[in-house]
Amino acid sequence: SGVGLAFAKALNSFNNKIFIIGRNKQKGQAVEKQLGNTVEFLESDLT
């Protein structure tokens, strides 16, 4: 979400492999579906 998601969307159309890290599995999977197979969600509580 927010700035992180904005970055993911902006960088997704180039030759990049993107890993997004977040705690919300539902949101993460939705972003994967929205942005395609160059984006992979890693569910993690970084604390």
All heavy atoms as atom14 arrays in JSON, in Angstrom:
{
  "sequence": "SGVGLAFAKALNSFNNKIFIIGRNKQKGQAVEKQLGNTVEFLESDLT",
  "atom14_mask": [
    [1, 1, 1, 1, 1, 1, 0, 0, 0, 0, 0, 0, 0, 0],
    [1, 1, 1, 1, 0, 0, 0, 0, 0, 0, 0, 0, 0, 0],
    [1, 1, 1, 1, 1, 1, 1, 0, 0, 0, 0, 0, 0, 0],
    [1, 1, 1, 1, 0, 0, 0, 0, 0, 0, 0, 0, 0, 0],
    [1, 1, 1, 1, 1, 1, 1, 1, 0, 0, 0, 0, 0, 0],
    [1, 1, 1, 1, 1, 0, 0, 0, 0, 0, 0, 0, 0, 0],
    [1, 1, 1, 1, 1, 1, 1, 1, 1, 1, 1, 0, 0, 0],
    [1, 1, 1, 1, 1, 0, 0, 0, 0, 0, 0, 0, 0, 0],
    [1, 1, 1, 1, 1, 1, 1, 1, 1, 0, 0, 0, 0, 0],
    [1, 1, 1, 1, 1, 0, 0, 0, 0, 0, 0, 0, 0, 0],
    [1, 1, 1, 1, 1, 1, 1, 1, 0, 0, 0, 0, 0, 0],
    [1, 1, 1, 1, 1, 1, 1, 1, 0, 0, 0, 0, 0, 0],
    [1, 1, 1, 1, 1, 1, 0, 0, 0, 0, 0, 0, 0, 0],
    [1, 1, 1, 1, 1, 1, 1, 1, 1, 1, 1, 0, 0, 0],
    [1, 1, 1, 1, 1, 1, 1, 1, 0, 0, 0, 0, 0, 0],
    [1, 1, 1, 1, 1, 1, 1, 1, 0, 0, 0, 0, 0, 0],
    [1, 1, 1, 1, 1, 1, 1, 1, 1, 0, 0, 0, 0, 0],
    [1, 1, 1, 1, 1, 1, 1, 1, 0, 0, 0, 0, 0, 0],
    [1, 1, 1, 1, 1, 1, 1, 1, 1, 1, 1, 0, 0, 0],
    [1, 1, 1, 1, 1, 1, 1, 1, 0, 0, 0, 0, 0, 0],
    [1, 1, 1, 1, 1, 1, 1, 1, 0, 0, 0, 0, 0, 0],
    [1, 1, 1, 1, 0, 0, 0, 0, 0, 0, 0, 0, 0, 0],
    [1, 1, 1, 1, 1, 1, 1, 1, 1, 1, 1, 0, 0, 0],
    [1, 1, 1, 1, 1, 1, 1, 1, 0, 0, 0, 0, 0, 0],
    [1, 1, 1, 1, 1, 1, 1, 1, 1, 0, 0, 0, 0, 0],
    [1, 1, 1, 1, 1, 1, 1, 1, 1, 0, 0, 0, 0, 0],
    [1, 1, 1, 1, 1, 1, 1, 1, 1, 0, 0, 0, 0, 0],
    [1, 1, 1, 1, 0, 0, 0, 0, 0, 0, 0, 0, 0, 0],
    [1, 1, 1, 1, 1, 1, 1, 1, 1, 0, 0, 0, 0, 0],
    [1, 1, 1, 1, 1, 0, 0, 0, 0, 0, 0, 0, 0, 0],
    [1, 1, 1, 1, 1, 1, 1, 0, 0, 0, 0, 0, 0, 0],
    [1, 1, 1, 1, 1, 1, 1, 1, 1, 0, 0, 0, 0, 0],
    [1, 1, 1, 1, 1, 1, 1, 1, 1, 0, 0, 0, 0, 0],
    [1, 1, 1, 1, 1, 1, 1, 1, 1, 0, 0, 0, 0, 0],
    [1, 1, 1, 1, 1, 1, 1, 1, 0, 0, 0, 0, 0, 0],
    [1, 1, 1, 1, 0, 0, 0, 0, 0, 0, 0, 0, 0, 0],
    [1, 1, 1, 1, 1, 1, 1, 1, 0, 0, 0, 0, 0, 0],
    [1, 1, 1, 1, 1, 1, 1, 0, 0, 0, 0, 0, 0, 0],
    [1, 1, 1, 1, 1, 1, 1, 0, 0, 0, 0, 0, 0, 0],
    [1, 1, 1, 1, 1, 1, 1, 1, 1, 0, 0, 0, 0, 0],
    [1, 1, 1, 1, 1, 1, 1, 1, 1, 1, 1, 0, 0, 0],
    [1, 1, 1, 1, 1, 1, 1, 1, 0, 0, 0, 0, 0, 0],
    [1, 1, 1, 1, 1, 1, 1, 1, 1, 0, 0, 0, 0, 0],
    [1, 1, 1, 1, 1, 1, 0, 0, 0, 0, 0, 0, 0, 0],
    [1, 1, 1, 1, 1, 1, 1, 1, 0, 0, 0, 0, 0, 0],
    [1, 1, 1, 1, 1, 1, 1, 1, 0, 0, 0, 0, 0, 0],
    [1, 1, 1, 1, 1, 1, 1, 0, 0, 0, 0, 0, 0, 0]
  ],
  "atom14_positions": [
    [[0.85, -1.2, 0.0], [0.0, 0.0, 0.0], [0.88, 1.24, 0.0], [2.1, 1.16, 0.18], [-0.93, 0.01, 1.23], [-0.16, 0.08, 2.43], [0.0, 0.0, 0.0], [0.0, 0.0, 0.0], [0.0, 0.0, 0.0], [0.0, 0.0, 0.0], [0.0, 0.0, 0.0], [0.0, 0.0, 0.0], [0.0, 0.0, 0.0], [0.0, 0.0, 0.0]],
    [[0.24, 2.4, -0.19], [0.92, 3.68, -0.07], [2.13, 3.83, -0.97], [2.12, 3.46, -2.14], [0.0, 0.0, 0.0], [0.0, 0.0, 0.0], [0.0, 0.0, 0.0], [0.0, 0.0, 0.0], [0.0, 0.0, 0.0], [0.0, 0.0, 0.0], [0.0, 0.0, 0.0], [0.0, 0.0, 0.0], [0.0, 0.0, 0.0], [0.0, 0.0, 0.0]],
    [[3.2, 4.38, -0.41], [4.41, 4.68, -1.17], [5.04, 3.4, -1.72], [5.51, 3.37, -2.87], [5.43, 5.44, -0.3], [6.75, 5.59, -1.03], [4.87, 6.81, 0.07], [0.0, 0.0, 0.0], [0.0, 0.0, 0.0], [0.0, 0.0, 0.0], [0.0, 0.0, 0.0], [0.0, 0.0, 0.0], [0.0, 0.0, 0.0], [0.0, 0.0, 0.0]],
    [[5.06, 2.35, -0.91], [5.65, 1.09, -1.37], [4.94, 0.55, -2.6], [5.58, 0.11, -3.57], [0.0, 0.0, 0.0], [0.0, 0.0, 0.0], [0.0, 0.0, 0.0], [0.0, 0.0, 0.0], [0.0, 0.0, 0.0], [0.0, 0.0, 0.0], [0.0, 0.0, 0.0], [0.0, 0.0, 0.0], [0.0, 0.0, 0.0], [0.0, 0.0, 0.0]],
    [[3.63, 0.56, -2.58], [2.85, 0.1, -3.73], [3.07, 1.02, -4.93], [3.17, 0.54, -6.07], [1.37, 0.03, -3.37], [0.42, -0.39, -4.48], [0.79, -1.73, -5.07], [-1.02, -0.4, -3.97], [0.0, 0.0, 0.0], [0.0, 0.0, 0.0], [0.0, 0.0, 0.0], [0.0, 0.0, 0.0], [0.0, 0.0, 0.0], [0.0, 0.0, 0.0]],
    [[3.15, 2.31, -4.69], [3.41, 3.26, -5.78], [4.75, 2.95, -6.45], [4.87, 3.0, -7.69], [3.38, 4.69, -5.26], [0.0, 0.0, 0.0], [0.0, 0.0, 0.0], [0.0, 0.0, 0.0], [0.0, 0.0, 0.0], [0.0, 0.0, 0.0], [0.0, 0.0, 0.0], [0.0, 0.0, 0.0], [0.0, 0.0, 0.0], [0.0, 0.0, 0.0]],
    [[5.76, 2.63, -5.66], [7.05, 2.22, -6.21], [6.92, 0.94, -7.03], [7.46, 0.84, -8.13], [8.07, 1.99, -5.09], [9.04, 3.13, -4.9], [8.98, 3.92, -3.78], [10.0, 3.38, -5.84], [9.87, 4.97, -3.59], [10.91, 4.42, -5.68], [10.84, 5.22, -4.55], [0.0, 0.0, 0.0], [0.0, 0.0, 0.0], [0.0, 0.0, 0.0]],
    [[6.24, -0.04, -6.46], [6.08, -1.32, -7.16], [5.4, -1.13, -8.51], [5.83, -1.7, -9.53], [5.28, -2.3, -6.3], [0.0, 0.0, 0.0], [0.0, 0.0, 0.0], [0.0, 0.0, 0.0], [0.0, 0.0, 0.0], [0.0, 0.0, 0.0], [0.0, 0.0, 0.0], [0.0, 0.0, 0.0], [0.0, 0.0, 0.0], [0.0, 0.0, 0.0]],
    [[4.36, -0.32, -8.57], [3.66, -0.06, -9.83], [4.56, 0.67, -10.82], [4.58, 0.35, -12.01], [2.39, 0.76, -9.56], [1.3, 0.01, -8.85], [-0.03, 0.76, -8.88], [0.05, 2.1, -8.19], [-1.25, 2.81, -8.18], [0.0, 0.0, 0.0], [0.0, 0.0, 0.0], [0.0, 0.0, 0.0], [0.0, 0.0, 0.0], [0.0, 0.0, 0.0]],
    [[5.31, 1.65, -10.33], [6.16, 2.44, -11.21], [7.3, 1.62, -11.8], [7.71, 1.83, -12.95], [6.72, 3.63, -10.45], [0.0, 0.0, 0.0], [0.0, 0.0, 0.0], [0.0, 0.0, 0.0], [0.0, 0.0, 0.0], [0.0, 0.0, 0.0], [0.0, 0.0, 0.0], [0.0, 0.0, 0.0], [0.0, 0.0, 0.0], [0.0, 0.0, 0.0]],
    [[7.83, 0.67, -11.03], [8.99, -0.1, -11.46], [8.61, -1.4, -12.17], [9.46, -2.07, -12.75], [9.87, -0.43, -10.25], [10.45, 0.79, -9.51], [11.15, 0.34, -8.24], [11.4, 1.56, -10.41], [0.0, 0.0, 0.0], [0.0, 0.0, 0.0], [0.0, 0.0, 0.0], [0.0, 0.0, 0.0], [0.0, 0.0, 0.0], [0.0, 0.0, 0.0]],
    [[7.34, -1.74, -12.14], [6.9, -3.03, -12.65], [6.98, -3.16, -14.16], [7.1, -4.26, -14.69], [5.46, -3.32, -12.19], [5.02, -4.73, -12.52], [5.77, -5.68, -12.3], [3.82, -4.87, -13.04], [0.0, 0.0, 0.0], [0.0, 0.0, 0.0], [0.0, 0.0, 0.0], [0.0, 0.0, 0.0], [0.0, 0.0, 0.0], [0.0, 0.0, 0.0]],
    [[6.9, -2.07, -14.87], [6.87, -2.14, -16.33], [8.25, -2.2, -16.96], [8.39, -2.17, -18.18], [6.09, -0.93, -16.89], [6.69, 0.27, -16.45], [0.0, 0.0, 0.0], [0.0, 0.0, 0.0], [0.0, 0.0, 0.0], [0.0, 0.0, 0.0], [0.0, 0.0, 0.0], [0.0, 0.0, 0.0], [0.0, 0.0, 0.0], [0.0, 0.0, 0.0]],
    [[9.29, -2.27, -16.14], [10.65, -2.33, -16.64], [11.23, -3.72, -16.36], [10.54, -4.59, -15.85], [11.5, -1.23, -16.0], [10.98, 0.15, -16.31], [10.03, 0.77, -15.49], [11.4, 0.83, -17.45], [9.54, 2.03, -15.78], [10.9, 2.08, -17.75], [9.97, 2.68, -16.92], [0.0, 0.0, 0.0], [0.0, 0.0, 0.0], [0.0, 0.0, 0.0]],
    [[12.48, -3.91, -16.7], [13.09, -5.24, -16.58], [13.5, -5.49, -15.13], [14.68, -5.58, -14.81], [14.29, -5.35, -17.52], [14.85, -6.76, -17.57], [14.11, -7.74, -17.41], [16.14, -6.88, -17.79], [0.0, 0.0, 0.0], [0.0, 0.0, 0.0], [0.0, 0.0, 0.0], [0.0, 0.0, 0.0], [0.0, 0.0, 0.0], [0.0, 0.0, 0.0]],
    [[12.51, -5.63, -14.26], [12.77, -5.78, -12.83], [12.03, -6.99, -12.27], [10.95, -7.34, -12.72], [12.28, -4.54, -12.07], [12.97, -3.26, -12.51], [14.18, -3.23, -12.7], [12.2, -2.2, -12.69], [0.0, 0.0, 0.0], [0.0, 0.0, 0.0], [0.0, 0.0, 0.0], [0.0, 0.0, 0.0], [0.0, 0.0, 0.0], [0.0, 0.0, 0.0]],
    [[12.63, -7.6, -11.27], [11.96, -8.59, -10.44], [11.74, -7.91, -9.09], [12.69, -7.45, -8.46], [12.8, -9.85, -10.27], [12.25, -10.85, -9.25], [10.9, -11.41, -9.67], [10.39, -12.45, -8.65], [9.06, -12.95, -8.99], [0.0, 0.0, 0.0], [0.0, 0.0, 0.0], [0.0, 0.0, 0.0], [0.0, 0.0, 0.0], [0.0, 0.0, 0.0]],
    [[10.49, -7.84, -8.66], [10.15, -7.07, -7.47], [9.6, -7.97, -6.37], [8.67, -8.74, -6.61], [9.12, -5.97, -7.8], [9.68, -5.02, -8.87], [8.74, -5.19, -6.55], [8.68, -4.03, -9.41], [0.0, 0.0, 0.0], [0.0, 0.0, 0.0], [0.0, 0.0, 0.0], [0.0, 0.0, 0.0], [0.0, 0.0, 0.0], [0.0, 0.0, 0.0]],
    [[10.18, -7.85, -5.19], [9.67, -8.53, -4.0], [9.07, -7.48, -3.09], [9.76, -6.52, -2.71], [10.78, -9.28, -3.27], [11.4, -10.39, -4.06], [12.5, -10.14, -4.88], [10.88, -11.67, -4.01], [13.07, -11.17, -5.63], [11.44, -12.7, -4.75], [12.54, -12.44, -5.56], [0.0, 0.0, 0.0], [0.0, 0.0, 0.0], [0.0, 0.0, 0.0]],
    [[7.81, -7.62, -2.74], [7.18, -6.71, -1.79], [6.98, -7.44, -0.47], [6.56, -8.59, -0.44], [5.85, -6.14, -2.32], [4.86, -7.25, -2.67], [6.1, -5.25, -3.53], [3.47, -6.74, -3.03], [0.0, 0.0, 0.0], [0.0, 0.0, 0.0], [0.0, 0.0, 0.0], [0.0, 0.0, 0.0], [0.0, 0.0, 0.0], [0.0, 0.0, 0.0]],
    [[7.31, -6.76, 0.61], [7.22, -7.36, 1.94], [6.13, -6.65, 2.73], [6.08, -5.41, 2.78], [8.55, -7.25, 2.7], [9.68, -7.92, 1.9], [8.44, -7.89, 4.08], [11.05, -7.74, 2.52], [0.0, 0.0, 0.0], [0.0, 0.0, 0.0], [0.0, 0.0, 0.0], [0.0, 0.0, 0.0], [0.0, 0.0, 0.0], [0.0, 0.0, 0.0]],
    [[5.25, -7.43, 3.35], [4.19, -6.84, 4.16], [3.58, -7.88, 5.09], [3.85, -9.08, 4.96], [0.0, 0.0, 0.0], [0.0, 0.0, 0.0], [0.0, 0.0, 0.0], [0.0, 0.0, 0.0], [0.0, 0.0, 0.0], [0.0, 0.0, 0.0], [0.0, 0.0, 0.0], [0.0, 0.0, 0.0], [0.0, 0.0, 0.0], [0.0, 0.0, 0.0]],
    [[2.75, -7.41, 6.0], [2.14, -8.31, 6.98], [0.76, -8.8, 6.54], [0.28, -9.82, 7.04], [2.01, -7.59, 8.33], [3.35, -7.33, 9.0], [3.19, -6.67, 10.34], [2.79, -5.28, 10.23], [2.72, -4.44, 11.26], [3.02, -4.86, 12.48], [2.36, -3.18, 11.09], [0.0, 0.0, 0.0], [0.0, 0.0, 0.0], [0.0, 0.0, 0.0]],
    [[0.14, -8.08, 5.63], [-1.24, -8.4, 5.24], [-1.23, -9.3, 4.01], [-1.0, -8.85, 2.88], [-2.01, -7.1, 4.96], [-3.49, -7.33, 4.79], [-3.92, -8.21, 4.04], [-4.3, -6.53, 5.46], [0.0, 0.0, 0.0], [0.0, 0.0, 0.0], [0.0, 0.0, 0.0], [0.0, 0.0, 0.0], [0.0, 0.0, 0.0], [0.0, 0.0, 0.0]],
    [[-1.5, -10.59, 4.22], [-1.45, -11.56, 3.14], [-2.47, -11.26, 2.05], [-2.18, -11.39, 0.85], [-1.69, -12.97, 3.7], [-1.53, -14.08, 2.68], [-1.68, -15.43, 3.34], [-1.48, -16.57, 2.34], [-1.61, -17.89, 3.0], [0.0, 0.0, 0.0], [0.0, 0.0, 0.0], [0.0, 0.0, 0.0], [0.0, 0.0, 0.0], [0.0, 0.0, 0.0]],
    [[-3.66, -10.86, 2.45], [-4.71, -10.57, 1.48], [-4.32, -9.41, 0.55], [-4.49, -9.49, -0.67], [-6.02, -10.25, 2.2], [-7.22, -10.07, 1.27], [-8.52, -9.84, 2.04], [-8.53, -9.76, 3.27], [-9.62, -9.77, 1.32], [0.0, 0.0, 0.0], [0.0, 0.0, 0.0], [0.0, 0.0, 0.0], [0.0, 0.0, 0.0], [0.0, 0.0, 0.0]],
    [[-3.78, -8.35, 1.14], [-3.32, -7.22, 0.34], [-2.17, -7.62, -0.58], [-2.11, -7.22, -1.75], [-2.87, -6.07, 1.24], [-3.98, -5.24, 1.85], [-3.39, -4.05, 2.59], [-4.46, -3.14, 3.15], [-3.86, -1.97, 3.86], [0.0, 0.0, 0.0], [0.0, 0.0, 0.0], [0.0, 0.0, 0.0], [0.0, 0.0, 0.0], [0.0, 0.0, 0.0]],
    [[-1.25, -8.41, -0.04], [-0.09, -8.82, -0.82], [-0.48, -9.66, -2.03], [0.04, -9.46, -3.14], [0.0, 0.0, 0.0], [0.0, 0.0, 0.0], [0.0, 0.0, 0.0], [0.0, 0.0, 0.0], [0.0, 0.0, 0.0], [0.0, 0.0, 0.0], [0.0, 0.0, 0.0], [0.0, 0.0, 0.0], [0.0, 0.0, 0.0], [0.0, 0.0, 0.0]],
    [[-1.39, -10.58, -1.83], [-1.84, -11.41, -2.95], [-2.6, -10.59, -3.98], [-2.51, -10.87, -5.18], [-2.69, -12.56, -2.41], [-1.88, -13.59, -1.62], [-2.75, -14.67, -1.01], [-3.95, -14.48, -0.78], [-2.13, -15.81, -0.72], [0.0, 0.0, 0.0], [0.0, 0.0, 0.0], [0.0, 0.0, 0.0], [0.0, 0.0, 0.0], [0.0, 0.0, 0.0]],
    [[-3.33, -9.58, -3.52], [-4.05, -8.7, -4.44], [-3.07, -7.91, -5.31], [-3.3, -7.73, -6.52], [-4.95, -7.75, -3.67], [0.0, 0.0, 0.0], [0.0, 0.0, 0.0], [0.0, 0.0, 0.0], [0.0, 0.0, 0.0], [0.0, 0.0, 0.0], [0.0, 0.0, 0.0], [0.0, 0.0, 0.0], [0.0, 0.0, 0.0], [0.0, 0.0, 0.0]],
    [[-1.96, -7.48, -4.72], [-0.95, -6.75, -5.49], [-0.29, -7.68, -6.51], [-0.06, -7.29, -7.66], [0.1, -6.13, -4.55], [1.25, -5.51, -5.36], [-0.53, -5.07, -3.67], [0.0, 0.0, 0.0], [0.0, 0.0, 0.0], [0.0, 0.0, 0.0], [0.0, 0.0, 0.0], [0.0, 0.0, 0.0], [0.0, 0.0, 0.0], [0.0, 0.0, 0.0]],
    [[0.01, -8.9, -6.1], [0.56, -9.88, -7.04], [-0.36, -10.07, -8.25], [0.09, -10.08, -9.4], [0.75, -11.24, -6.35], [1.95, -11.34, -5.45], [2.08, -12.73, -4.85], [1.04, -13.35, -4.52], [3.21, -13.21, -4.71], [0.0, 0.0, 0.0], [0.0, 0.0, 0.0], [0.0, 0.0, 0.0], [0.0, 0.0, 0.0], [0.0, 0.0, 0.0]],
    [[-1.63, -10.2, -7.98], [-2.6, -10.4, -9.05], [-2.69, -9.17, -9.95], [-2.77, -9.28, -11.17], [-3.97, -10.7, -8.44], [-5.04, -11.06, -9.47], [-6.34, -11.45, -8.78], [-7.41, -11.82, -9.82], [-8.69, -12.2, -9.15], [0.0, 0.0, 0.0], [0.0, 0.0, 0.0], [0.0, 0.0, 0.0], [0.0, 0.0, 0.0], [0.0, 0.0, 0.0]],
    [[-2.64, -7.99, -9.33], [-2.74, -6.74, -10.08], [-1.52, -6.5, -10.96], [-1.67, -6.07, -12.12], [-2.9, -5.57, -9.1], [-2.92, -4.19, -9.76], [-2.87, -3.06, -8.74], [-2.85, -3.29, -7.53], [-2.81, -1.83, -9.22], [0.0, 0.0, 0.0], [0.0, 0.0, 0.0], [0.0, 0.0, 0.0], [0.0, 0.0, 0.0], [0.0, 0.0, 0.0]],
    [[-0.32, -6.78, -10.45], [0.9, -6.4, -11.15], [1.54, -7.53, -11.95], [2.43, -7.28, -12.77], [1.91, -5.83, -10.15], [1.46, -4.57, -9.4], [2.57, -4.05, -8.51], [1.0, -3.48, -10.37], [0.0, 0.0, 0.0], [0.0, 0.0, 0.0], [0.0, 0.0, 0.0], [0.0, 0.0, 0.0], [0.0, 0.0, 0.0], [0.0, 0.0, 0.0]],
    [[1.13, -8.77, -11.72], [1.62, -9.85, -12.56], [2.78, -10.62, -11.98], [3.2, -10.4, -10.83], [0.0, 0.0, 0.0], [0.0, 0.0, 0.0], [0.0, 0.0, 0.0], [0.0, 0.0, 0.0], [0.0, 0.0, 0.0], [0.0, 0.0, 0.0], [0.0, 0.0, 0.0], [0.0, 0.0, 0.0], [0.0, 0.0, 0.0], [0.0, 0.0, 0.0]],
    [[3.35, -11.52, -12.78], [4.31, -12.5, -12.25], [5.71, -11.95, -12.04], [6.6, -12.68, -11.59], [4.36, -13.75, -13.14], [4.75, -13.42, -14.57], [5.21, -12.33, -14.86], [4.54, -14.38, -15.47], [0.0, 0.0, 0.0], [0.0, 0.0, 0.0], [0.0, 0.0, 0.0], [0.0, 0.0, 0.0], [0.0, 0.0, 0.0], [0.0, 0.0, 0.0]],
    [[5.96, -10.68, -12.34], [7.27, -10.09, -12.01], [7.3, -9.59, -10.57], [8.34, -9.18, -10.08], [7.61, -8.92, -12.95], [6.58, -7.93, -12.85], [7.74, -9.4, -14.39], [0.0, 0.0, 0.0], [0.0, 0.0, 0.0], [0.0, 0.0, 0.0], [0.0, 0.0, 0.0], [0.0, 0.0, 0.0], [0.0, 0.0, 0.0], [0.0, 0.0, 0.0]],
    [[6.15, -9.64, -9.9], [6.06, -9.19, -8.51], [5.72, -10.38, -7.61], [4.81, -11.15, -7.9], [4.97, -8.1, -8.35], [4.77, -7.75, -6.88], [5.36, -6.86, -9.14], [0.0, 0.0, 0.0], [0.0, 0.0, 0.0], [0.0, 0.0, 0.0], [0.0, 0.0, 0.0], [0.0, 0.0, 0.0], [0.0, 0.0, 0.0], [0.0, 0.0, 0.0]],
    [[6.47, -10.52, -6.53], [6.24, -11.61, -5.59], [6.08, -11.04, -4.18], [6.9, -10.23, -3.73], [7.41, -12.59, -5.61], [7.21, -13.8, -4.71], [8.3, -14.85, -4.87], [9.04, -14.8, -5.87], [8.42, -15.71, -3.97], [0.0, 0.0, 0.0], [0.0, 0.0, 0.0], [0.0, 0.0, 0.0], [0.0, 0.0, 0.0], [0.0, 0.0, 0.0]],
    [[5.03, -11.46, -3.51], [4.76, -11.0, -2.15], [5.39, -11.93, -1.14], [5.26, -13.16, -1.22], [3.25, -10.95, -1.92], [2.86, -10.71, -0.48], [3.18, -9.53, 0.16], [2.17, -11.69, 0.24], [2.82, -9.31, 1.48], [1.81, -11.48, 1.55], [2.14, -10.28, 2.19], [0.0, 0.0, 0.0], [0.0, 0.0, 0.0], [0.0, 0.0, 0.0]],
    [[6.09, -11.35, -0.16], [6.66, -12.1, 0.95], [5.96, -11.65, 2.23], [6.1, -10.5, 2.64], [8.17, -11.86, 1.07], [9.03, -12.14, -0.17], [10.49, -11.88, 0.14], [8.84, -13.59, -0.64], [0.0, 0.0, 0.0], [0.0, 0.0, 0.0], [0.0, 0.0, 0.0], [0.0, 0.0, 0.0], [0.0, 0.0, 0.0], [0.0, 0.0, 0.0]],
    [[5.2, -12.53, 2.81], [4.5, -12.19, 4.05], [5.48, -12.23, 5.21], [6.12, -13.25, 5.48], [3.36, -13.17, 4.3], [2.53, -12.84, 5.53], [1.43, -13.86, 5.8], [1.34, -14.86, 5.06], [0.67, -13.66, 6.77], [0.0, 0.0, 0.0], [0.0, 0.0, 0.0], [0.0, 0.0, 0.0], [0.0, 0.0, 0.0], [0.0, 0.0, 0.0]],
    [[5.6, -11.1, 5.91], [6.57, -11.06, 7.0], [6.28, -9.88, 7.94], [5.96, -8.78, 7.49], [7.99, -10.9, 6.45], [8.94, -10.85, 7.49], [0.0, 0.0, 0.0], [0.0, 0.0, 0.0], [0.0, 0.0, 0.0], [0.0, 0.0, 0.0], [0.0, 0.0, 0.0], [0.0, 0.0, 0.0], [0.0, 0.0, 0.0], [0.0, 0.0, 0.0]],
    [[6.41, -10.14, 9.23], [6.38, -9.09, 10.24], [7.85, -8.76, 10.54], [8.52, -9.49, 11.27], [5.67, -9.59, 11.5], [5.67, -8.57, 12.63], [6.28, -7.48, 12.45], [5.09, -8.85, 13.69], [0.0, 0.0, 0.0], [0.0, 0.0, 0.0], [0.0, 0.0, 0.0], [0.0, 0.0, 0.0], [0.0, 0.0, 0.0], [0.0, 0.0, 0.0]],
    [[8.33, -7.68, 9.98], [9.75, -7.36, 10.06], [10.22, -6.95, 11.45], [11.42, -6.77, 11.67], [10.1, -6.28, 9.04], [9.98, -6.7, 7.58], [10.24, -5.51, 6.65], [10.94, -7.84, 7.25], [0.0, 0.0, 0.0], [0.0, 0.0, 0.0], [0.0, 0.0, 0.0], [0.0, 0.0, 0.0], [0.0, 0.0, 0.0], [0.0, 0.0, 0.0]],
    [[9.31, -6.81, 12.39], [9.73, -6.55, 13.77], [10.22, -7.83, 14.44], [10.8, -7.77, 15.52], [8.58, -5.96, 14.61], [7.51, -6.91, 14.7], [8.05, -4.67, 13.98], [0.0, 0.0, 0.0], [0.0, 0.0, 0.0], [0.0, 0.0, 0.0], [0.0, 0.0, 0.0], [0.0, 0.0, 0.0], [0.0, 0.0, 0.0], [0.0, 0.0, 0.0]]
  ]
}
